[in-house]
């Protein structure tokens, strides 16, 4: 996927997506969410495939937007906590090959409250198969 058909480069490709905050290098995008209310993603303006492709300036810019996004979400939704995370590569769960930092407000009355990003990853069901002996 190149910048021309990327929904984070061409915002018109994803219905309901809205730029809520931005600086010269990054944007905080939100779209209506039925389950993850208030969640959004921070993306670099330039097309960068993964988090590992960000420049030092984009890292600083991402942090600046993250702090501003937290202030905005705290005012608007008053969450009890947050999950913040990057997925990188298809196996890592990245479905849009443009780096994006998930910002997910969490609430104490959610069914999965208290379960963090690693909850499902560290379950026994996620254990890799044992290679066959040679």
Protein backbone atom coordinates (compact mmCIF):
# COMPACT_ATOMS: atom_id res chain seq x y z
CA UNK A 1 0.00 0.00 0.00
CA UNK A 2 1.45 3.32 -1.00
CA UNK A 3 0.47 6.79 0.13
CA UNK A 4 -1.99 7.08 -2.77
CA UNK A 5 -4.31 4.32 -1.53
CA UNK A 6 -3.57 4.58 2.20
CA UNK A 7 -6.48 5.67 4.42
CA UNK A 8 -4.08 7.52 6.73
CA UNK A 9 -2.56 9.46 3.82
CA UNK A 10 -5.85 10.07 1.98
CA UNK A 11 -8.35 10.58 4.80
CA UNK A 12 -11.30 10.41 2.38
CA UNK A 13 -10.69 6.64 1.99
CA UNK A 14 -12.10 5.88 5.47
CA UNK A 15 -15.62 7.12 6.22
CA UNK A 16 -16.10 8.99 9.47
CA UNK A 17 -12.39 9.51 10.13
CA UNK A 18 -11.67 12.93 11.62
CA UNK A 19 -8.47 14.83 12.38
CA UNK A 20 -8.92 15.87 16.00
CA UNK A 21 -5.40 17.16 16.72
CA UNK A 22 -2.37 17.77 14.54
CA UNK A 23 1.03 19.35 14.40
CA UNK A 24 3.41 19.66 11.48
CA UNK A 25 4.42 15.96 11.50
CA UNK A 26 1.59 13.95 13.11
CA UNK A 27 -2.18 13.72 13.46
CA UNK A 28 -4.57 12.25 16.00
CA UNK A 29 -7.45 10.63 14.11
CA UNK A 30 -10.72 9.46 15.58
CA UNK A 31 -13.77 7.83 14.08
CA UNK A 32 -17.09 6.90 15.63
CA UNK A 33 -16.62 3.76 17.72
CA UNK A 34 -19.39 1.61 19.11
CA UNK A 35 -17.20 -0.37 21.53
CA UNK A 36 -13.92 1.51 21.94
CA UNK A 37 -15.48 4.91 22.58
CA UNK A 38 -12.98 7.77 22.41
CA UNK A 39 -10.23 5.70 20.84
CA UNK A 40 -8.07 6.93 18.00
CA UNK A 41 -4.71 6.64 16.34
CA UNK A 42 -1.72 8.91 16.05
CA UNK A 43 -0.19 8.74 12.58
CA UNK A 44 2.75 10.50 10.96
CA UNK A 45 1.69 12.79 8.11
CA UNK A 46 4.39 11.25 5.91
CA UNK A 47 3.73 7.66 4.85
CA UNK A 48 5.87 5.48 7.14
CA UNK A 49 5.14 1.78 6.94
CA UNK A 50 5.95 0.84 10.55
CA UNK A 51 6.86 2.45 13.84
CA UNK A 52 10.48 1.50 13.12
CA UNK A 53 10.49 3.87 10.14
CA UNK A 54 9.70 7.02 12.14
CA UNK A 55 12.28 9.79 12.27
CA UNK A 56 13.44 11.18 15.63
CA UNK A 57 11.40 14.31 14.87
CA UNK A 58 8.28 12.19 14.25
CA UNK A 59 8.83 10.41 17.59
CA UNK A 60 8.90 13.77 19.39
CA UNK A 61 5.89 14.93 17.43
CA UNK A 62 4.01 11.71 18.30
CA UNK A 63 4.72 12.30 21.98
CA UNK A 64 3.47 15.88 21.72
CA UNK A 65 0.20 14.70 20.14
CA UNK A 66 -0.13 11.84 22.67
CA UNK A 67 0.02 14.26 25.61
CA UNK A 68 -2.52 16.58 23.93
CA UNK A 69 -4.79 13.62 23.06
CA UNK A 70 -4.77 12.43 26.69
CA UNK A 71 -5.76 15.91 27.88
CA UNK A 72 -8.59 16.04 25.34
CA UNK A 73 -9.85 12.51 26.13
CA UNK A 74 -9.62 13.12 29.89
CA UNK A 75 -11.83 16.21 29.50
CA UNK A 76 -14.30 14.61 27.11
CA UNK A 77 -14.65 11.05 28.46
CA UNK A 78 -12.97 10.89 31.92
CA UNK A 79 -11.50 7.40 31.39
CA UNK A 80 -10.06 5.39 34.28
CA UNK A 81 -6.99 4.31 32.31
CA UNK A 82 -5.52 3.87 28.83
CA UNK A 83 -4.05 1.26 26.53
CA UNK A 84 -1.43 2.75 24.22
CA UNK A 85 0.20 0.56 21.60
CA UNK A 86 1.74 -0.04 18.21
CA UNK A 87 1.14 -3.07 16.01
CA UNK A 88 3.97 -3.68 13.56
CA UNK A 89 3.78 -6.01 10.58
CA UNK A 90 0.96 -8.32 9.58
CA UNK A 91 1.82 -10.98 12.20
CA UNK A 92 1.95 -8.22 14.80
CA UNK A 93 -1.63 -7.25 13.95
CA UNK A 94 -0.93 -4.22 11.73
CA UNK A 95 -3.68 -4.21 9.11
CA UNK A 96 -2.93 -0.81 7.56
CA UNK A 97 0.74 -0.51 6.55
CA UNK A 98 1.09 3.07 7.78
CA UNK A 99 2.53 3.45 11.28
CA UNK A 100 -0.19 4.25 13.81
CA UNK A 101 -0.19 4.44 17.60
CA UNK A 102 -3.46 3.26 19.13
CA UNK A 103 -4.78 5.44 21.97
CA UNK A 104 -7.60 3.60 23.73
CA UNK A 105 -9.37 5.04 26.79
CA UNK A 106 -10.37 2.34 29.30
CA UNK A 107 -13.18 2.40 31.84
CA UNK A 108 -13.60 0.55 35.15
CA UNK A 109 -17.06 -0.74 34.19
CA UNK A 110 -15.87 -2.53 31.02
CA UNK A 111 -16.11 -6.34 31.00
CA UNK A 112 -12.35 -6.54 30.26
CA UNK A 113 -11.27 -3.77 32.65
CA UNK A 114 -7.88 -4.51 34.15
CA UNK A 115 -6.77 -6.65 31.24
CA UNK A 116 -3.93 -5.01 29.39
CA UNK A 117 -2.49 -5.30 25.93
CA UNK A 118 -0.61 -8.50 26.76
CA UNK A 119 -3.58 -10.30 28.33
CA UNK A 120 -4.43 -12.46 25.30
CA UNK A 121 -0.84 -12.73 24.07
CA UNK A 122 0.39 -14.37 27.26
CA UNK A 123 -2.42 -16.94 27.50
CA UNK A 124 -1.53 -20.61 27.11
CA UNK A 125 -3.71 -20.70 23.98
CA UNK A 126 -1.13 -18.45 22.28
CA UNK A 127 1.80 -20.80 22.90
CA UNK A 128 3.80 -21.56 19.76
CA UNK A 129 3.88 -25.15 18.58
CA UNK A 130 6.84 -27.21 19.73
CA UNK A 131 9.06 -27.94 16.71
CA UNK A 132 9.34 -31.60 15.79
CA UNK A 133 12.59 -33.28 16.81
CA UNK A 134 14.94 -33.77 13.93
